[in-house]
């Protein structure tokens, strides 16, 4: 795996792109791969909030949220079965016989 570039180098390359130079031109001038500079540019847009996050980070966050939802749904199911879940799964109300009648 190639050594990562220093953060100052990356920032300078991104400044050149933001100033209006093309990615192809900046990559050739600095001697780096165009694809590398394109990745830095995409990540910079995400970091500055100009583009929504996607890919691995968003997928991991979504997977964690879905996992938590499943856990909470399972807890709700258990509580309903135990009779502590409120009206949806609670015990039936106790009936009181009316006056004048003897309980059967």
PDB file of N, CA and C in Angstrom:
ATOM      1  N   UNK A   1       0.845  -1.176   0.000  1.00  0.00           N
ATOM      2  CA  UNK A   1       0.000   0.000   0.000  1.00  0.00           C
ATOM      3  C   UNK A   1       0.893   1.242   0.000  1.00  0.00           C
ATOM      4  N   UNK A   2       0.587   2.213  -0.830  1.00  0.00           N
ATOM      5  CA  UNK A   2       1.417   3.412  -0.887  1.00  0.00           C
ATOM      6  C   UNK A   2       1.293   4.230   0.398  1.00  0.00           C
ATOM      7  N   UNK A   3       2.332   4.967   0.681  1.00  0.00           N
ATOM      8  CA  UNK A   3       2.326   5.817   1.867  1.00  0.00           C
ATOM      9  C   UNK A   3       1.331   6.949   1.676  1.00  0.00           C
ATOM     10  N   UNK A   4       0.601   7.295   2.735  1.00  0.00           N
ATOM     11  CA  UNK A   4      -0.349   8.400   2.602  1.00  0.00           C
ATOM     12  C   UNK A   4       0.378   9.743   2.490  1.00  0.00           C
ATOM     13  N   UNK A   5      -0.254  10.657   1.791  1.00  0.00           N
ATOM     14  CA  UNK A   5       0.314  11.992   1.647  1.00  0.00           C
ATOM     15  C   UNK A   5       0.044  12.793   2.913  1.00  0.00           C
ATOM     16  N   UNK A   6       0.931  13.718   3.249  1.00  0.00           N
ATOM     17  CA  UNK A   6       0.700  14.564   4.430  1.00  0.00           C
ATOM     18  C   UNK A   6      -0.570  15.404   4.252  1.00  0.00           C
ATOM     19  N   UNK A   7      -1.220  15.727   5.351  1.00  0.00           N
ATOM     20  CA  UNK A   7      -2.470  16.490   5.282  1.00  0.00           C
ATOM     21  C   UNK A   7      -2.259  17.879   4.681  1.00  0.00           C
ATOM     22  N   UNK A   8      -1.083  18.485   4.897  1.00  0.00           N
ATOM     23  CA  UNK A   8      -0.799  19.802   4.313  1.00  0.00           C
ATOM     24  C   UNK A   8      -0.760  19.716   2.782  1.00  0.00           C
ATOM     25  N   UNK A   9      -0.184  18.632   2.281  1.00  0.00           N
ATOM     26  CA  UNK A   9      -0.103  18.414   0.840  1.00  0.00           C
ATOM     27  C   UNK A   9      -1.508  18.269   0.251  1.00  0.00           C
ATOM     28  N   UNK A  10      -2.340  17.479   0.931  1.00  0.00           N
ATOM     29  CA  UNK A  10      -3.712  17.279   0.456  1.00  0.00           C
ATOM     30  C   UNK A  10      -4.472  18.603   0.433  1.00  0.00           C
ATOM     31  N   UNK A  11      -4.338  19.369   1.516  1.00  0.00           N
ATOM     32  CA  UNK A  11      -5.046  20.638   1.602  1.00  0.00           C
ATOM     33  C   UNK A  11      -4.610  21.599   0.506  1.00  0.00           C
ATOM     34  N   UNK A  12      -3.330  21.649   0.230  1.00  0.00           N
ATOM     35  CA  UNK A  12      -2.821  22.530  -0.830  1.00  0.00           C
ATOM     36  C   UNK A  12      -3.366  22.106  -2.199  1.00  0.00           C
ATOM     37  N   UNK A  13      -3.409  20.803  -2.444  1.00  0.00           N
ATOM     38  CA  UNK A  13      -3.944  20.298  -3.708  1.00  0.00           C
ATOM     39  C   UNK A  13      -5.421  20.667  -3.837  1.00  0.00           C
ATOM     40  N   UNK A  14      -6.177  20.543  -2.754  1.00  0.00           N
ATOM     41  CA  UNK A  14      -7.597  20.894  -2.787  1.00  0.00           C
ATOM     42  C   UNK A  14      -7.800  22.394  -2.972  1.00  0.00           C
ATOM     43  N   UNK A  15      -6.915  23.193  -2.403  1.00  0.00           N
ATOM     44  CA  UNK A  15      -7.008  24.642  -2.602  1.00  0.00           C
ATOM     45  C   UNK A  15      -6.828  25.007  -4.070  1.00  0.00           C
ATOM     46  N   UNK A  16      -5.911  24.319  -4.750  1.00  0.00           N
ATOM     47  CA  UNK A  16      -5.698  24.570  -6.173  1.00  0.00           C
ATOM     48  C   UNK A  16      -6.946  24.219  -6.985  1.00  0.00           C
ATOM     49  N   UNK A  17      -7.590  23.117  -6.623  1.00  0.00           N
ATOM     50  CA  UNK A  17      -8.807  22.706  -7.329  1.00  0.00           C
ATOM     51  C   UNK A  17      -9.928  23.709  -7.048  1.00  0.00           C
ATOM     52  N   UNK A  18     -10.062  24.126  -5.779  1.00  0.00           N
ATOM     53  CA  UNK A  18     -11.101  25.100  -5.425  1.00  0.00           C
ATOM     54  C   UNK A  18     -10.875  26.438  -6.117  1.00  0.00           C
ATOM     55  N   UNK A  19      -9.609  26.752  -6.412  1.00  0.00           N
ATOM     56  CA  UNK A  19      -9.283  28.022  -7.071  1.00  0.00           C
ATOM     57  C   UNK A  19      -9.650  28.015  -8.553  1.00  0.00           C
ATOM     58  N   UNK A  20     -10.031  26.855  -9.079  1.00  0.00           N
ATOM     59  CA  UNK A  20     -10.485  26.816 -10.458  1.00  0.00           C
ATOM     60  C   UNK A  20      -9.645  25.953 -11.388  1.00  0.00           C
ATOM     61  N   UNK A  21      -8.534  25.436 -10.913  1.00  0.00           N
ATOM     62  CA  UNK A  21      -7.737  24.553 -11.769  1.00  0.00           C
ATOM     63  C   UNK A  21      -8.409  23.193 -11.849  1.00  0.00           C
ATOM     64  N   UNK A  22      -8.198  22.505 -12.949  1.00  0.00           N
ATOM     65  CA  UNK A  22      -8.828  21.194 -13.135  1.00  0.00           C
ATOM     66  C   UNK A  22      -8.088  20.136 -12.329  1.00  0.00           C
ATOM     67  N   UNK A  23      -8.809  19.080 -12.019  1.00  0.00           N
ATOM     68  CA  UNK A  23      -8.222  17.968 -11.290  1.00  0.00           C
ATOM     69  C   UNK A  23      -7.087  17.348 -12.097  1.00  0.00           C
ATOM     70  N   UNK A  24      -7.281  17.220 -13.401  1.00  0.00           N
ATOM     71  CA  UNK A  24      -6.267  16.635 -14.285  1.00  0.00           C
ATOM     72  C   UNK A  24      -4.984  17.471 -14.235  1.00  0.00           C
ATOM     73  N   UNK A  25      -5.125  18.780 -14.306  1.00  0.00           N
ATOM     74  CA  UNK A  25      -3.975  19.679 -14.294  1.00  0.00           C
ATOM     75  C   UNK A  25      -3.235  19.628 -12.949  1.00  0.00           C
ATOM     76  N   UNK A  26      -3.983  19.688 -11.856  1.00  0.00           N
ATOM     77  CA  UNK A  26      -3.360  19.670 -10.523  1.00  0.00           C
ATOM     78  C   UNK A  26      -2.671  18.330 -10.278  1.00  0.00           C
ATOM     79  N   UNK A  27      -3.322  17.242 -10.661  1.00  0.00           N
ATOM     80  CA  UNK A  27      -2.724  15.921 -10.469  1.00  0.00           C
ATOM     81  C   UNK A  27      -1.417  15.785 -11.255  1.00  0.00           C
ATOM     82  N   UNK A  28      -1.406  16.278 -12.484  1.00  0.00           N
ATOM     83  CA  UNK A  28      -0.187  16.198 -13.296  1.00  0.00           C
ATOM     84  C   UNK A  28       0.912  17.080 -12.709  1.00  0.00           C
ATOM     85  N   UNK A  29       0.567  18.257 -12.247  1.00  0.00           N
ATOM     86  CA  UNK A  29       1.554  19.177 -11.676  1.00  0.00           C
ATOM     87  C   UNK A  29       2.177  18.611 -10.406  1.00  0.00           C
ATOM     88  N   UNK A  30       1.343  18.000  -9.547  1.00  0.00           N
ATOM     89  CA  UNK A  30       1.834  17.483  -8.266  1.00  0.00           C
ATOM     90  C   UNK A  30       2.351  16.049  -8.347  1.00  0.00           C
ATOM     91  N   UNK A  31       2.115  15.402  -9.479  1.00  0.00           N
ATOM     92  CA  UNK A  31       2.606  14.029  -9.644  1.00  0.00           C
ATOM     93  C   UNK A  31       1.824  13.001  -8.859  1.00  0.00           C
ATOM     94  N   UNK A  32       0.530  13.201  -8.756  1.00  0.00           N
ATOM     95  CA  UNK A  32      -0.312  12.222  -8.065  1.00  0.00           C
ATOM     96  C   UNK A  32      -1.379  11.716  -9.034  1.00  0.00           C
ATOM     97  N   UNK A  33      -2.002  10.619  -8.672  1.00  0.00           N
ATOM     98  CA  UNK A  33      -3.036  10.027  -9.530  1.00  0.00           C
ATOM     99  C   UNK A  33      -4.295  10.891  -9.505  1.00  0.00           C
ATOM    100  N   UNK A  34      -4.943  10.996 -10.644  1.00  0.00           N
ATOM    101  CA  UNK A  34      -6.179  11.765 -10.731  1.00  0.00           C
ATOM    102  C   UNK A  34      -7.260  11.187  -9.814  1.00  0.00           C
ATOM    103  N   UNK A  35      -7.325   9.870  -9.771  1.00  0.00           N
ATOM    104  CA  UNK A  35      -8.342   9.219  -8.947  1.00  0.00           C
ATOM    105  C   UNK A  35      -8.161   9.567  -7.467  1.00  0.00           C
ATOM    106  N   UNK A  36      -6.916   9.688  -7.060  1.00  0.00           N
ATOM    107  CA  UNK A  36      -6.615  10.058  -5.672  1.00  0.00           C
ATOM    108  C   UNK A  36      -7.156  11.459  -5.378  1.00  0.00           C
ATOM    109  N   UNK A  37      -6.896  12.379  -6.271  1.00  0.00           N
ATOM    110  CA  UNK A  37      -7.350  13.753  -6.093  1.00  0.00           C
ATOM    111  C   UNK A  37      -8.875  13.841  -6.161  1.00  0.00           C
ATOM    112  N   UNK A  38      -9.484  13.056  -7.029  1.00  0.00           N
ATOM    113  CA  UNK A  38     -10.949  13.027  -7.082  1.00  0.00           C
ATOM    114  C   UNK A  38     -11.524  12.539  -5.747  1.00  0.00           C
ATOM    115  N   UNK A  39     -10.932  11.506  -5.140  1.00  0.00           N
ATOM    116  CA  UNK A  39     -11.397  11.007  -3.836  1.00  0.00           C
ATOM    117  C   UNK A  39     -11.258  12.080  -2.767  1.00  0.00           C
ATOM    118  N   UNK A  40     -10.115  12.776  -2.754  1.00  0.00           N
ATOM    119  CA  UNK A  40      -9.915  13.851  -1.782  1.00  0.00           C
ATOM    120  C   UNK A  40     -10.969  14.932  -1.962  1.00  0.00           C
ATOM    121  N   UNK A  41     -11.269  15.258  -3.209  1.00  0.00           N
ATOM    122  CA  UNK A  41     -12.241  16.296  -3.507  1.00  0.00           C
ATOM    123  C   UNK A  41     -13.629  15.887  -3.007  1.00  0.00           C
ATOM    124  N   UNK A  42     -14.031  14.635  -3.276  1.00  0.00           N
ATOM    125  CA  UNK A  42     -15.336  14.150  -2.819  1.00  0.00           C
ATOM    126  C   UNK A  42     -15.426  14.167  -1.300  1.00  0.00           C
ATOM    127  N   UNK A  43     -14.371  13.720  -0.620  1.00  0.00           N
ATOM    128  CA  UNK A  43     -14.369  13.699   0.835  1.00  0.00           C
ATOM    129  C   UNK A  43     -14.404  15.121   1.397  1.00  0.00           C
ATOM    130  N   UNK A  44     -13.724  16.042   0.733  1.00  0.00           N
ATOM    131  CA  UNK A  44     -13.731  17.438   1.158  1.00  0.00           C
ATOM    132  C   UNK A  44     -15.141  18.023   1.062  1.00  0.00           C
ATOM    133  N   UNK A  45     -15.862  17.720  -0.001  1.00  0.00           N
ATOM    134  CA  UNK A  45     -17.236  18.190  -0.152  1.00  0.00           C
ATOM    135  C   UNK A  45     -18.133  17.639   0.954  1.00  0.00           C
ATOM    136  N   UNK A  46     -17.935  16.385   1.318  1.00  0.00           N
ATOM    137  CA  UNK A  46     -18.709  15.771   2.396  1.00  0.00           C
ATOM    138  C   UNK A  46     -18.356  16.424   3.729  1.00  0.00           C
ATOM    139  N   UNK A  47     -17.052  16.616   3.970  1.00  0.00           N
ATOM    140  CA  UNK A  47     -16.604  17.208   5.231  1.00  0.00           C
ATOM    141  C   UNK A  47     -17.105  18.633   5.414  1.00  0.00           C
ATOM    142  N   UNK A  48     -17.219  19.374   4.325  1.00  0.00           N
ATOM    143  CA  UNK A  48     -17.691  20.761   4.399  1.00  0.00           C
ATOM    144  C   UNK A  48     -19.213  20.854   4.354  1.00  0.00           C
ATOM    145  N   UNK A  49     -19.908  19.709   4.263  1.00  0.00           N
ATOM    146  CA  UNK A  49     -21.368  19.688   4.283  1.00  0.00           C
ATOM    147  C   UNK A  49     -22.011  20.089   2.977  1.00  0.00           C
ATOM    148  N   UNK A  50     -21.254  20.061   1.893  1.00  0.00           N
ATOM    149  CA  UNK A  50     -21.792  20.445   0.596  1.00  0.00           C
ATOM    150  C   UNK A  50     -22.361  19.251  -0.165  1.00  0.00           C
ATOM    151  N   UNK A  51     -22.118  18.049   0.368  1.00  0.00           N
ATOM    152  CA  UNK A  51     -22.596  16.829  -0.277  1.00  0.00           C
ATOM    153  C   UNK A  51     -22.952  15.843   0.836  1.00  0.00           C
ATOM    154  N   UNK A  52     -24.082  15.137   0.697  1.00  0.00           N
ATOM    155  CA  UNK A  52     -24.442  14.189   1.752  1.00  0.00           C
ATOM    156  C   UNK A  52     -23.484  13.001   1.786  1.00  0.00           C
ATOM    157  N   UNK A  53     -23.291  12.492   2.979  1.00  0.00           N
ATOM    158  CA  UNK A  53     -22.405  11.337   3.151  1.00  0.00           C
ATOM    159  C   UNK A  53     -23.022  10.113   2.493  1.00  0.00           C
ATOM    160  N   UNK A  54     -22.191   9.309   1.897  1.00  0.00           N
ATOM    161  CA  UNK A  54     -22.642   8.064   1.295  1.00  0.00           C
ATOM    162  C   UNK A  54     -21.506   7.072   1.401  1.00  0.00           C
ATOM    163  N   UNK A  55     -21.773   5.881   1.036  1.00  0.00           N
ATOM    164  CA  UNK A  55     -20.729   4.870   1.046  1.00  0.00           C
ATOM    165  C   UNK A  55     -20.655   4.133   2.370  1.00  0.00           C
ATOM    166  N   UNK A  56     -19.463   3.747   2.762  1.00  0.00           N
ATOM    167  CA  UNK A  56     -19.260   2.900   3.932  1.00  0.00           C
ATOM    168  C   UNK A  56     -19.729   3.537   5.230  1.00  0.00           C
ATOM    169  N   UNK A  57     -19.383   4.796   5.460  1.00  0.00           N
ATOM    170  CA  UNK A  57     -19.749   5.442   6.721  1.00  0.00           C
ATOM    171  C   UNK A  57     -21.261   5.517   6.870  1.00  0.00           C
ATOM    172  N   UNK A  58     -21.939   5.933   5.823  1.00  0.00           N
ATOM    173  CA  UNK A  58     -23.396   6.027   5.876  1.00  0.00           C
ATOM    174  C   UNK A  58     -24.010   4.642   5.998  1.00  0.00           C
ATOM    175  N   UNK A  59     -23.450   3.661   5.310  1.00  0.00           N
ATOM    176  CA  UNK A  59     -23.980   2.300   5.372  1.00  0.00           C
ATOM    177  C   UNK A  59     -23.806   1.718   6.766  1.00  0.00           C
ATOM    178  N   UNK A  60     -22.678   1.969   7.389  1.00  0.00           N
ATOM    179  CA  UNK A  60     -22.436   1.465   8.738  1.00  0.00           C
ATOM    180  C   UNK A  60     -23.403   2.107   9.729  1.00  0.00           C
ATOM    181  N   UNK A  61     -23.634   3.393   9.564  1.00  0.00           N
ATOM    182  CA  UNK A  61     -24.558   4.105  10.452  1.00  0.00           C
ATOM    183  C   UNK A  61     -25.979   3.581  10.269  1.00  0.00           C
ATOM    184  N   UNK A  62     -26.373   3.367   9.039  1.00  0.00           N
ATOM    185  CA  UNK A  62     -27.705   2.834   8.754  1.00  0.00           C
ATOM    186  C   UNK A  62     -27.857   1.417   9.303  1.00  0.00           C
ATOM    187  N   UNK A  63     -26.844   0.600   9.159  1.00  0.00           N
ATOM    188  CA  UNK A  63     -26.897  -0.765   9.670  1.00  0.00           C
ATOM    189  C   UNK A  63     -27.031  -0.763  11.195  1.00  0.00           C
ATOM    190  N   UNK A  64     -26.306   0.132  11.871  1.00  0.00           N
ATOM    191  CA  UNK A  64     -26.400   0.223  13.326  1.00  0.00           C
ATOM    192  C   UNK A  64     -27.794   0.667  13.750  1.00  0.00           C
ATOM    193  N   UNK A  65     -28.371   1.617  13.027  1.00  0.00           N
ATOM    194  CA  UNK A  65     -29.719   2.082  13.345  1.00  0.00           C
ATOM    195  C   UNK A  65     -30.735   0.966  13.143  1.00  0.00           C
ATOM    196  N   UNK A  66     -30.611   0.207  12.055  1.00  0.00           N
ATOM    197  CA  UNK A  66     -31.527  -0.902  11.805  1.00  0.00           C
ATOM    198  C   UNK A  66     -31.396  -1.988  12.863  1.00  0.00           C
ATOM    199  N   UNK A  67     -30.169  -2.255  13.306  1.00  0.00           N
ATOM    200  CA  UNK A  67     -29.927  -3.241  14.348  1.00  0.00           C
ATOM    201  C   UNK A  67     -30.626  -2.808  15.647  1.00  0.00           C
ATOM    202  N   UNK A  68     -30.511  -1.518  15.990  1.00  0.00           N
ATOM    203  CA  UNK A  68     -31.145  -0.985  17.202  1.00  0.00           C
ATOM    204  C   UNK A  68     -32.665  -1.061  17.102  1.00  0.00           C
ATOM    205  N   UNK A  69     -33.209  -0.797  15.937  1.00  0.00           N
ATOM    206  CA  UNK A  69     -34.659  -0.895  15.733  1.00  0.00           C
ATOM    207  C   UNK A  69     -35.133  -2.324  15.975  1.00  0.00           C
ATOM    208  N   UNK A  70     -34.395  -3.293  15.434  1.00  0.00           N
ATOM    209  CA  UNK A  70     -34.772  -4.704  15.647  1.00  0.00           C
ATOM    210  C   UNK A  70     -34.732  -5.062  17.132  1.00  0.00           C
ATOM    211  N   UNK A  71     -33.710  -4.574  17.855  1.00  0.00           N
ATOM    212  CA  UNK A  71     -33.615  -4.850  19.294  1.00  0.00           C
ATOM    213  C   UNK A  71     -34.813  -4.269  20.038  1.00  0.00           C
ATOM    214  N   UNK A  72     -35.184  -3.033  19.710  1.00  0.00           N
ATOM    215  CA  UNK A  72     -36.310  -2.389  20.381  1.00  0.00           C
ATOM    216  C   UNK A  72     -37.632  -3.092  20.060  1.00  0.00           C
ATOM    217  N   UNK A  73     -37.792  -3.533  18.815  1.00  0.00           N
ATOM    218  CA  UNK A  73     -39.002  -4.259  18.452  1.00  0.00           C
ATOM    219  C   UNK A  73     -39.094  -5.576  19.216  1.00  0.00           C
ATOM    220  N   UNK A  74     -37.963  -6.248  19.390  1.00  0.00           N
ATOM    221  CA  UNK A  74     -37.941  -7.496  20.142  1.00  0.00           C
ATOM    222  C   UNK A  74     -38.289  -7.240  21.610  1.00  0.00           C
ATOM    223  N   UNK A  75     -37.761  -6.169  22.191  1.00  0.00           N
ATOM    224  CA  UNK A  75     -38.093  -5.813  23.569  1.00  0.00           C
ATOM    225  C   UNK A  75     -39.585  -5.532  23.709  1.00  0.00           C
ATOM    226  N   UNK A  76     -40.166  -4.811  22.749  1.00  0.00           N
ATOM    227  CA  UNK A  76     -41.601  -4.530  22.783  1.00  0.00           C
ATOM    228  C   UNK A  76     -42.407  -5.818  22.746  1.00  0.00           C
ATOM    229  N   UNK A  77     -42.000  -6.745  21.889  1.00  0.00           N
ATOM    230  CA  UNK A  77     -42.708  -8.019  21.765  1.00  0.00           C
ATOM    231  C   UNK A  77     -42.670  -8.776  23.098  1.00  0.00           C
ATOM    232  N   UNK A  78     -41.518  -8.789  23.745  1.00  0.00           N
ATOM    233  CA  UNK A  78     -41.368  -9.487  25.030  1.00  0.00           C
ATOM    234  C   UNK A  78     -42.232  -8.825  26.098  1.00  0.00           C
ATOM    235  N   UNK A  79     -42.233  -7.492  26.137  1.00  0.00           N
ATOM    236  CA  UNK A  79     -43.045  -6.784  27.130  1.00  0.00           C
ATOM    237  C   UNK A  79     -44.538  -7.020  26.919  1.00  0.00           C
ATOM    238  N   UNK A  80     -44.968  -7.059  25.682  1.00  0.00           N
ATOM    239  CA  UNK A  80     -46.387  -7.321  25.403  1.00  0.00           C
ATOM    240  C   UNK A  80     -46.780  -8.721  25.874  1.00  0.00           C
ATOM    241  N   UNK A  81     -45.902  -9.684  25.624  1.00  0.00           N
ATOM    242  CA  UNK A  81     -46.205 -11.060  26.031  1.00  0.00           C
ATOM    243  C   UNK A  81     -46.221 -11.193  27.548  1.00  0.00           C
ATOM    244  N   UNK A  82     -45.408 -10.400  28.243  1.00  0.00           N
ATOM    245  CA  UNK A  82     -45.338 -10.506  29.697  1.00  0.00           C
ATOM    246  C   UNK A  82     -46.506  -9.807  30.383  1.00  0.00           C
ATOM    247  N   UNK A  83     -47.287  -9.025  29.631  1.00  0.00           N
ATOM    248  CA  UNK A  83     -48.439  -8.368  30.221  1.00  0.00           C
ATOM    249  C   UNK A  83     -48.138  -6.972  30.726  1.00  0.00           C
ATOM    250  N   UNK A  84     -46.958  -6.458  30.469  1.00  0.00           N
ATOM    251  CA  UNK A  84     -46.598  -5.128  30.944  1.00  0.00           C
ATOM    252  C   UNK A  84     -46.546  -4.133  29.801  1.00  0.00           C
ATOM    253  N   UNK A  85     -47.066  -4.480  28.670  1.00  0.00           N
ATOM    254  CA  UNK A  85     -46.924  -3.629  27.502  1.00  0.00           C
ATOM    255  C   UNK A  85     -48.047  -2.657  27.251  1.00  0.00           C
ATOM    256  N   UNK A  86     -48.924  -2.430  28.202  1.00  0.00           N
ATOM    257  CA  UNK A  86     -49.995  -1.485  27.982  1.00  0.00           C
ATOM    258  C   UNK A  86     -51.236  -2.148  27.423  1.00  0.00           C
ATOM    259  N   UNK A  87     -52.114  -1.374  26.800  1.00  0.00           N
ATOM    260  CA  UNK A  87     -53.407  -1.861  26.328  1.00  0.00           C
ATOM    261  C   UNK A  87     -53.277  -2.916  25.233  1.00  0.00           C
ATOM    262  N   UNK A  88     -52.257  -2.821  24.430  1.00  0.00           N
ATOM    263  CA  UNK A  88     -52.130  -3.725  23.298  1.00  0.00           C
ATOM    264  C   UNK A  88     -51.924  -5.173  23.733  1.00  0.00           C
ATOM    265  N   UNK A  89     -51.214  -5.391  24.819  1.00  0.00           N
ATOM    266  CA  UNK A  89     -50.932  -6.765  25.210  1.00  0.00           C
ATOM    267  C   UNK A  89     -51.129  -7.004  26.681  1.00  0.00           C
ATOM    268  N   UNK A  90     -51.763  -6.073  27.369  1.00  0.00           N
ATOM    269  CA  UNK A  90     -51.930  -6.197  28.809  1.00  0.00           C
ATOM    270  C   UNK A  90     -53.001  -7.202  29.192  1.00  0.00           C
ATOM    271  N   UNK A  91     -53.114  -7.437  30.486  1.00  0.00           N
ATOM    272  CA  UNK A  91     -54.117  -8.356  31.006  1.00  0.00           C
ATOM    273  C   UNK A  91     -55.495  -7.721  30.863  1.00  0.00           C
ATOM    274  N   UNK A  92     -56.543  -8.538  30.729  1.00  0.00           N
ATOM    275  CA  UNK A  92     -57.888  -7.972  30.607  1.00  0.00           C
ATOM    276  C   UNK A  92     -58.299  -7.290  31.907  1.00  0.00           C
ATOM    277  N   UNK A  93     -59.211  -6.324  31.770  1.00  0.00           N
ATOM    278  CA  UNK A  93     -59.693  -5.609  32.942  1.00  0.00           C
ATOM    279  C   UNK A  93     -60.525  -6.549  33.810  1.00  0.00           C
ATOM    280  N   UNK A  94     -60.490  -6.297  35.099  1.00  0.00           N
ATOM    281  CA  UNK A  94     -61.255  -7.095  36.045  1.00  0.00           C
ATOM    282  C   UNK A  94     -62.688  -6.579  36.055  1.00  0.00           C
ATOM    283  N   UNK A  95     -63.634  -7.482  35.988  1.00  0.00           N
ATOM    284  CA  UNK A  95     -65.041  -7.080  35.995  1.00  0.00           C
ATOM    285  C   UNK A  95     -65.596  -7.162  37.399  1.00  0.00           C
ATOM    286  N   UNK A  96     -66.462  -6.223  37.718  1.00  0.00           N
ATOM    287  CA  UNK A  96     -67.108  -6.190  39.029  1.00  0.00           C
ATOM    288  C   UNK A  96     -68.575  -6.512  38.811  1.00  0.00           C
ATOM    289  N   UNK A  97     -69.101  -7.473  39.561  1.00  0.00           N
ATOM    290  CA  UNK A  97     -70.534  -7.812  39.376  1.00  0.00           C
ATOM    291  C   UNK A  97     -71.413  -6.618  39.764  1.00  0.00           C
ATOM    292  N   UNK A  98     -72.535  -6.470  39.055  1.00  0.00           N
ATOM    293  CA  UNK A  98     -73.463  -5.384  39.365  1.00  0.00           C
ATOM    294  C   UNK A  98     -74.235  -5.696  40.629  1.00  0.00           C
ATOM    295  N   UNK A  99     -74.851  -4.675  41.232  1.00  0.00           N
ATOM    296  CA  UNK A  99     -75.603  -4.854  42.472  1.00  0.00           C
ATOM    297  C   UNK A  99     -76.864  -5.662  42.221  1.00  0.00           C
ATOM    298  N   UNK A 100     -77.211  -6.408  43.188  1.00  0.00           N
ATOM    299  CA  UNK A 100     -78.452  -7.172  43.105  1.00  0.00           C
ATOM    300  C   UNK A 100     -78.281  -8.536  42.486  1.00  0.00           C
ATOM    301  N   UNK A 101     -77.186  -8.763  41.849  1.00  0.00           N
ATOM    302  CA  UNK A 101     -76.976 -10.089  41.258  1.00  0.00           C
ATOM    303  C   UNK A 101     -75.873 -10.798  42.036  1.00  0.00           C
ATOM    304  N   UNK A 102     -76.053 -12.032  42.141  1.00  0.00           N
ATOM    305  CA  UNK A 102     -75.019 -12.845  42.782  1.00  0.00           C
ATOM    306  C   UNK A 102     -74.029 -13.276  41.734  1.00  0.00           C
ATOM    307  N   UNK A 103     -72.772 -13.320  42.087  1.00  0.00           N
ATOM    308  CA  UNK A 103     -71.779 -13.808  41.110  1.00  0.00           C
ATOM    309  C   UNK A 103     -72.028 -15.260  40.762  1.00  0.00           C
ATOM    310  N   UNK A 104     -71.783 -15.612  39.577  1.00  0.00           N
ATOM    311  CA  UNK A 104     -72.010 -16.998  39.133  1.00  0.00           C
ATOM    312  C   UNK A 104     -70.855 -17.868  39.443  1.00  0.00           C
TER     313      UNK A 104
END
